[in-house]
Amino acid sequence: MDDLTKEQKILLASMYKEYLCRQPALSPDEANKFDTSAVVRETIIPNQTIEYVTDLCFALRQKGYISCVPGSNLALHISITDKTIIVMENRFSNGIKSVIDFISKIKP
């Protein structure tokens, strides 16, 4: 994750946290579906504009951390990649608590 900006790290870690929170109720595949950048904005970082969140999503896609497709000025069919899950599992071996600590330390 050294190739990410602070905002990209916050979004990616927040998406991973959401993925972990969803897993008790959903399969890993279903837990990994984030629909659109508008939904990501609404559920994860509501203080940002849709355009900004969409740009973050496409930057993360370009670096291989999420998959998504463009459409209607949004990122669509968003999911975190296996690469991201592996990086996050190794970095945050204590689960959600470690992710929350990480996010709180880098948030402005």
N, C-alpha and C. Protein backbone atom coordinates (compact mmCIF):
# COMPACT_ATOMS: atom_id res chain seq x y z
N MET A 1 0.81 -1.20 0.00
CA MET A 1 0.00 0.00 0.00
C MET A 1 0.86 1.26 0.00
N ASP A 2 2.13 1.09 -0.16
CA ASP A 2 3.02 2.24 -0.20
C ASP A 2 2.82 3.09 -1.46
N ASP A 3 2.14 2.54 -2.44
CA ASP A 3 1.91 3.27 -3.69
C ASP A 3 0.58 4.03 -3.68
N LEU A 4 -0.06 4.16 -2.50
CA LEU A 4 -1.35 4.83 -2.40
C LEU A 4 -1.24 6.15 -1.66
N THR A 5 -2.13 7.09 -2.02
CA THR A 5 -2.22 8.33 -1.26
C THR A 5 -2.94 8.06 0.05
N LYS A 6 -2.90 9.01 0.95
CA LYS A 6 -3.57 8.88 2.24
C LYS A 6 -5.07 8.62 2.06
N GLU A 7 -5.71 9.37 1.17
CA GLU A 7 -7.14 9.20 0.93
C GLU A 7 -7.45 7.84 0.33
N GLN A 8 -6.59 7.38 -0.58
CA GLN A 8 -6.79 6.05 -1.17
C GLN A 8 -6.66 4.97 -0.11
N LYS A 9 -5.70 5.12 0.80
CA LYS A 9 -5.53 4.15 1.88
C LYS A 9 -6.75 4.12 2.79
N ILE A 10 -7.27 5.30 3.11
CA ILE A 10 -8.45 5.38 3.98
C ILE A 10 -9.63 4.68 3.32
N LEU A 11 -9.86 4.97 2.04
CA LEU A 11 -10.99 4.33 1.35
C LEU A 11 -10.80 2.82 1.28
N LEU A 12 -9.64 2.37 0.89
CA LEU A 12 -9.40 0.94 0.74
C LEU A 12 -9.53 0.21 2.08
N ALA A 13 -8.94 0.76 3.12
CA ALA A 13 -9.04 0.14 4.45
C ALA A 13 -10.49 0.14 4.93
N SER A 14 -11.22 1.20 4.63
CA SER A 14 -12.63 1.28 5.02
C SER A 14 -13.47 0.26 4.26
N MET A 15 -13.15 0.06 2.99
CA MET A 15 -13.85 -0.96 2.20
C MET A 15 -13.55 -2.36 2.75
N TYR A 16 -12.31 -2.59 3.13
CA TYR A 16 -11.94 -3.89 3.71
C TYR A 16 -12.66 -4.09 5.05
N LYS A 17 -12.74 -3.06 5.85
CA LYS A 17 -13.46 -3.14 7.12
C LYS A 17 -14.93 -3.49 6.87
N GLU A 18 -15.55 -2.85 5.90
CA GLU A 18 -16.94 -3.13 5.55
C GLU A 18 -17.08 -4.58 5.08
N TYR A 19 -16.14 -5.03 4.29
CA TYR A 19 -16.12 -6.42 3.81
C TYR A 19 -16.09 -7.39 5.00
N LEU A 20 -15.23 -7.13 5.99
CA LEU A 20 -15.15 -7.99 7.16
C LEU A 20 -16.43 -7.95 7.98
N CYS A 21 -17.02 -6.77 8.12
CA CYS A 21 -18.25 -6.63 8.90
C CYS A 21 -19.42 -7.37 8.25
N ARG A 22 -19.44 -7.43 6.95
CA ARG A 22 -20.54 -8.09 6.23
C ARG A 22 -20.44 -9.61 6.27
N GLN A 23 -19.25 -10.14 6.48
CA GLN A 23 -19.03 -11.58 6.33
C GLN A 23 -19.81 -12.48 7.27
N PRO A 24 -20.09 -12.13 8.46
CA PRO A 24 -20.89 -13.08 9.24
C PRO A 24 -22.25 -13.38 8.60
N ALA A 25 -22.82 -12.38 7.95
CA ALA A 25 -24.15 -12.55 7.36
C ALA A 25 -24.11 -12.94 5.88
N LEU A 26 -23.01 -12.63 5.20
CA LEU A 26 -22.91 -12.88 3.76
C LEU A 26 -21.70 -13.75 3.44
N SER A 27 -21.76 -14.41 2.31
CA SER A 27 -20.59 -15.15 1.83
C SER A 27 -19.49 -14.15 1.48
N PRO A 28 -18.23 -14.56 1.44
CA PRO A 28 -17.17 -13.63 1.07
C PRO A 28 -17.42 -12.96 -0.29
N ASP A 29 -17.96 -13.71 -1.24
CA ASP A 29 -18.24 -13.13 -2.56
C ASP A 29 -19.30 -12.03 -2.48
N GLU A 30 -20.36 -12.28 -1.75
CA GLU A 30 -21.43 -11.28 -1.60
C GLU A 30 -20.95 -10.08 -0.76
N ALA A 31 -20.15 -10.35 0.27
CA ALA A 31 -19.64 -9.29 1.13
C ALA A 31 -18.72 -8.33 0.37
N ASN A 32 -18.18 -8.80 -0.73
CA ASN A 32 -17.22 -8.03 -1.51
C ASN A 32 -17.87 -7.20 -2.62
N LYS A 33 -19.16 -7.11 -2.67
CA LYS A 33 -19.84 -6.32 -3.70
C LYS A 33 -20.22 -4.95 -3.14
N PHE A 34 -19.70 -3.91 -3.79
CA PHE A 34 -19.95 -2.55 -3.34
C PHE A 34 -20.80 -1.75 -4.31
N ASP A 35 -21.29 -2.37 -5.35
CA ASP A 35 -22.19 -1.77 -6.32
C ASP A 35 -21.55 -0.59 -7.06
N THR A 36 -21.82 0.65 -6.65
CA THR A 36 -21.33 1.82 -7.38
C THR A 36 -20.55 2.75 -6.45
N SER A 37 -19.85 3.71 -7.05
CA SER A 37 -19.14 4.71 -6.25
C SER A 37 -20.11 5.58 -5.46
N ALA A 38 -21.35 5.71 -5.94
CA ALA A 38 -22.35 6.46 -5.18
C ALA A 38 -22.69 5.72 -3.88
N VAL A 39 -22.79 4.41 -3.95
CA VAL A 39 -23.05 3.59 -2.76
C VAL A 39 -21.85 3.63 -1.82
N VAL A 40 -20.64 3.54 -2.37
CA VAL A 40 -19.43 3.63 -1.55
C VAL A 40 -19.40 4.96 -0.82
N ARG A 41 -19.71 6.02 -1.52
CA ARG A 41 -19.75 7.34 -0.89
C ARG A 41 -20.76 7.36 0.24
N GLU A 42 -21.95 6.89 -0.03
CA GLU A 42 -23.04 6.92 0.94
C GLU A 42 -22.73 6.10 2.18
N THR A 43 -22.14 4.93 2.00
CA THR A 43 -21.93 4.03 3.14
C THR A 43 -20.57 4.17 3.82
N ILE A 44 -19.56 4.66 3.08
CA ILE A 44 -18.21 4.65 3.65
C ILE A 44 -17.65 6.04 3.89
N ILE A 45 -17.74 6.93 2.92
CA ILE A 45 -17.19 8.28 3.10
C ILE A 45 -18.18 9.35 2.63
N PRO A 46 -19.26 9.53 3.39
CA PRO A 46 -20.33 10.45 2.98
C PRO A 46 -19.93 11.93 2.95
N ASN A 47 -18.80 12.27 3.55
CA ASN A 47 -18.36 13.66 3.56
C ASN A 47 -17.66 14.08 2.27
N GLN A 48 -17.52 13.17 1.31
CA GLN A 48 -16.87 13.48 0.03
C GLN A 48 -17.91 13.51 -1.09
N THR A 49 -17.54 14.14 -2.19
CA THR A 49 -18.45 14.19 -3.34
C THR A 49 -18.41 12.86 -4.09
N ILE A 50 -19.46 12.60 -4.83
CA ILE A 50 -19.51 11.39 -5.65
C ILE A 50 -18.36 11.41 -6.66
N GLU A 51 -18.08 12.56 -7.23
CA GLU A 51 -17.02 12.67 -8.23
C GLU A 51 -15.67 12.30 -7.62
N TYR A 52 -15.41 12.78 -6.41
CA TYR A 52 -14.15 12.49 -5.74
C TYR A 52 -14.01 11.00 -5.44
N VAL A 53 -15.09 10.40 -4.93
CA VAL A 53 -15.07 8.98 -4.61
C VAL A 53 -14.89 8.16 -5.88
N THR A 54 -15.55 8.56 -6.95
CA THR A 54 -15.40 7.88 -8.24
C THR A 54 -13.96 7.94 -8.70
N ASP A 55 -13.33 9.11 -8.59
CA ASP A 55 -11.92 9.26 -8.97
C ASP A 55 -11.02 8.35 -8.11
N LEU A 56 -11.30 8.28 -6.81
CA LEU A 56 -10.52 7.40 -5.94
C LEU A 56 -10.68 5.95 -6.37
N CYS A 57 -11.89 5.57 -6.71
CA CYS A 57 -12.13 4.18 -7.15
C CYS A 57 -11.34 3.86 -8.41
N PHE A 58 -11.34 4.77 -9.38
CA PHE A 58 -10.61 4.50 -10.61
C PHE A 58 -9.09 4.49 -10.38
N ALA A 59 -8.62 5.30 -9.44
CA ALA A 59 -7.19 5.27 -9.10
C ALA A 59 -6.83 3.93 -8.46
N LEU A 60 -7.69 3.44 -7.57
CA LEU A 60 -7.44 2.14 -6.93
C LEU A 60 -7.54 1.01 -7.95
N ARG A 61 -8.43 1.14 -8.91
CA ARG A 61 -8.53 0.13 -9.98
C ARG A 61 -7.26 0.11 -10.81
N GLN A 62 -6.76 1.29 -11.14
CA GLN A 62 -5.54 1.38 -11.96
C GLN A 62 -4.36 0.71 -11.27
N LYS A 63 -4.34 0.75 -9.95
CA LYS A 63 -3.24 0.15 -9.19
C LYS A 63 -3.52 -1.30 -8.81
N GLY A 64 -4.67 -1.83 -9.21
CA GLY A 64 -4.98 -3.24 -9.00
C GLY A 64 -5.59 -3.59 -7.65
N TYR A 65 -6.04 -2.60 -6.88
CA TYR A 65 -6.58 -2.87 -5.56
C TYR A 65 -8.09 -3.15 -5.58
N ILE A 66 -8.80 -2.61 -6.54
CA ILE A 66 -10.23 -2.92 -6.69
C ILE A 66 -10.51 -3.19 -8.16
N SER A 67 -11.64 -3.81 -8.41
CA SER A 67 -12.10 -3.94 -9.79
C SER A 67 -13.40 -3.15 -9.90
N CYS A 68 -13.60 -2.53 -11.03
CA CYS A 68 -14.81 -1.77 -11.32
C CYS A 68 -14.82 -1.42 -12.80
N VAL A 69 -15.97 -0.97 -13.27
CA VAL A 69 -16.09 -0.54 -14.66
C VAL A 69 -16.73 0.83 -14.68
N PRO A 70 -16.39 1.64 -15.69
CA PRO A 70 -17.00 2.96 -15.78
C PRO A 70 -18.41 2.89 -16.37
N GLY A 71 -19.25 3.84 -15.96
CA GLY A 71 -20.59 3.95 -16.52
C GLY A 71 -21.38 5.02 -15.81
N SER A 72 -22.09 5.83 -16.55
CA SER A 72 -22.94 6.88 -15.97
C SER A 72 -22.17 7.80 -15.03
N ASN A 73 -20.93 8.12 -15.38
CA ASN A 73 -20.06 8.98 -14.56
C ASN A 73 -19.79 8.42 -13.17
N LEU A 74 -19.87 7.10 -13.03
CA LEU A 74 -19.61 6.43 -11.76
C LEU A 74 -18.71 5.23 -12.00
N ALA A 75 -18.16 4.71 -10.93
CA ALA A 75 -17.52 3.40 -10.96
C ALA A 75 -18.61 2.39 -10.61
N LEU A 76 -18.75 1.35 -11.44
CA LEU A 76 -19.81 0.36 -11.26
C LEU A 76 -19.22 -1.01 -10.96
N HIS A 77 -20.02 -1.86 -10.32
CA HIS A 77 -19.63 -3.25 -10.03
C HIS A 77 -18.30 -3.31 -9.28
N ILE A 78 -18.21 -2.55 -8.21
CA ILE A 78 -16.98 -2.42 -7.43
C ILE A 78 -16.79 -3.62 -6.50
N SER A 79 -15.57 -4.14 -6.47
CA SER A 79 -15.19 -5.15 -5.49
C SER A 79 -13.69 -5.03 -5.24
N ILE A 80 -13.28 -5.41 -4.03
CA ILE A 80 -11.84 -5.39 -3.75
C ILE A 80 -11.24 -6.67 -4.34
N THR A 81 -10.01 -6.57 -4.79
CA THR A 81 -9.37 -7.70 -5.47
C THR A 81 -8.76 -8.67 -4.46
N ASP A 82 -8.45 -9.86 -4.95
CA ASP A 82 -7.76 -10.84 -4.10
C ASP A 82 -6.44 -10.27 -3.60
N LYS A 83 -5.75 -9.49 -4.45
CA LYS A 83 -4.49 -8.84 -4.06
C LYS A 83 -4.71 -8.01 -2.80
N THR A 84 -5.78 -7.25 -2.78
CA THR A 84 -6.08 -6.39 -1.63
C THR A 84 -6.39 -7.22 -0.40
N ILE A 85 -7.20 -8.25 -0.57
CA ILE A 85 -7.56 -9.08 0.58
C ILE A 85 -6.32 -9.72 1.18
N ILE A 86 -5.42 -10.19 0.35
CA ILE A 86 -4.17 -10.80 0.83
C ILE A 86 -3.32 -9.77 1.57
N VAL A 87 -3.16 -8.58 0.99
CA VAL A 87 -2.38 -7.51 1.64
C VAL A 87 -3.01 -7.16 2.99
N MET A 88 -4.32 -7.01 3.01
CA MET A 88 -5.02 -6.62 4.24
C MET A 88 -4.96 -7.72 5.30
N GLU A 89 -5.13 -8.97 4.89
CA GLU A 89 -5.04 -10.08 5.85
C GLU A 89 -3.66 -10.13 6.50
N ASN A 90 -2.63 -9.88 5.71
CA ASN A 90 -1.27 -9.89 6.26
C ASN A 90 -0.99 -8.66 7.12
N ARG A 91 -1.50 -7.52 6.71
CA ARG A 91 -1.24 -6.29 7.45
C ARG A 91 -2.07 -6.19 8.73
N PHE A 92 -3.31 -6.64 8.66
CA PHE A 92 -4.23 -6.51 9.79
C PHE A 92 -4.61 -7.88 10.34
N SER A 93 -3.63 -8.57 10.89
CA SER A 93 -3.86 -9.94 11.36
C SER A 93 -4.82 -10.01 12.55
N ASN A 94 -5.05 -8.89 13.24
CA ASN A 94 -6.00 -8.88 14.36
C ASN A 94 -7.41 -8.50 13.92
N GLY A 95 -7.65 -8.47 12.61
CA GLY A 95 -9.00 -8.24 12.11
C GLY A 95 -9.45 -6.80 12.16
N ILE A 96 -10.74 -6.63 12.40
CA ILE A 96 -11.39 -5.32 12.32
C ILE A 96 -10.74 -4.31 13.26
N LYS A 97 -10.38 -4.72 14.46
CA LYS A 97 -9.77 -3.79 15.43
C LYS A 97 -8.51 -3.15 14.85
N SER A 98 -7.66 -3.94 14.21
CA SER A 98 -6.43 -3.38 13.61
C SER A 98 -6.75 -2.43 12.47
N VAL A 99 -7.78 -2.75 11.68
CA VAL A 99 -8.17 -1.88 10.56
C VAL A 99 -8.66 -0.55 11.10
N ILE A 100 -9.51 -0.59 12.13
CA ILE A 100 -10.04 0.64 12.72
C ILE A 100 -8.91 1.49 13.29
N ASP A 101 -7.96 0.86 13.98
CA ASP A 101 -6.80 1.60 14.51
C ASP A 101 -6.02 2.27 13.39
N PHE A 102 -5.78 1.54 12.30
CA PHE A 102 -5.06 2.09 11.15
C PHE A 102 -5.78 3.30 10.57
N ILE A 103 -7.08 3.17 10.34
CA ILE A 103 -7.87 4.26 9.76
C ILE A 103 -7.83 5.48 10.67
N SER A 104 -7.99 5.27 11.98
CA SER A 104 -8.01 6.40 12.91
C SER A 104 -6.66 7.12 12.96
N LYS A 105 -5.58 6.41 12.73
CA LYS A 105 -4.25 7.03 12.77
C LYS A 105 -3.95 7.85 11.53
N ILE A 106 -4.55 7.51 10.37
CA ILE A 106 -4.22 8.27 9.16
C ILE A 106 -5.30 9.27 8.77
N LYS A 107 -6.46 9.20 9.41
CA LYS A 107 -7.52 10.16 9.10
C LYS A 107 -7.12 11.54 9.64
N PRO A 108 -7.45 12.57 8.87
CA PRO A 108 -7.12 13.93 9.33
C PRO A 108 -7.92 14.35 10.53
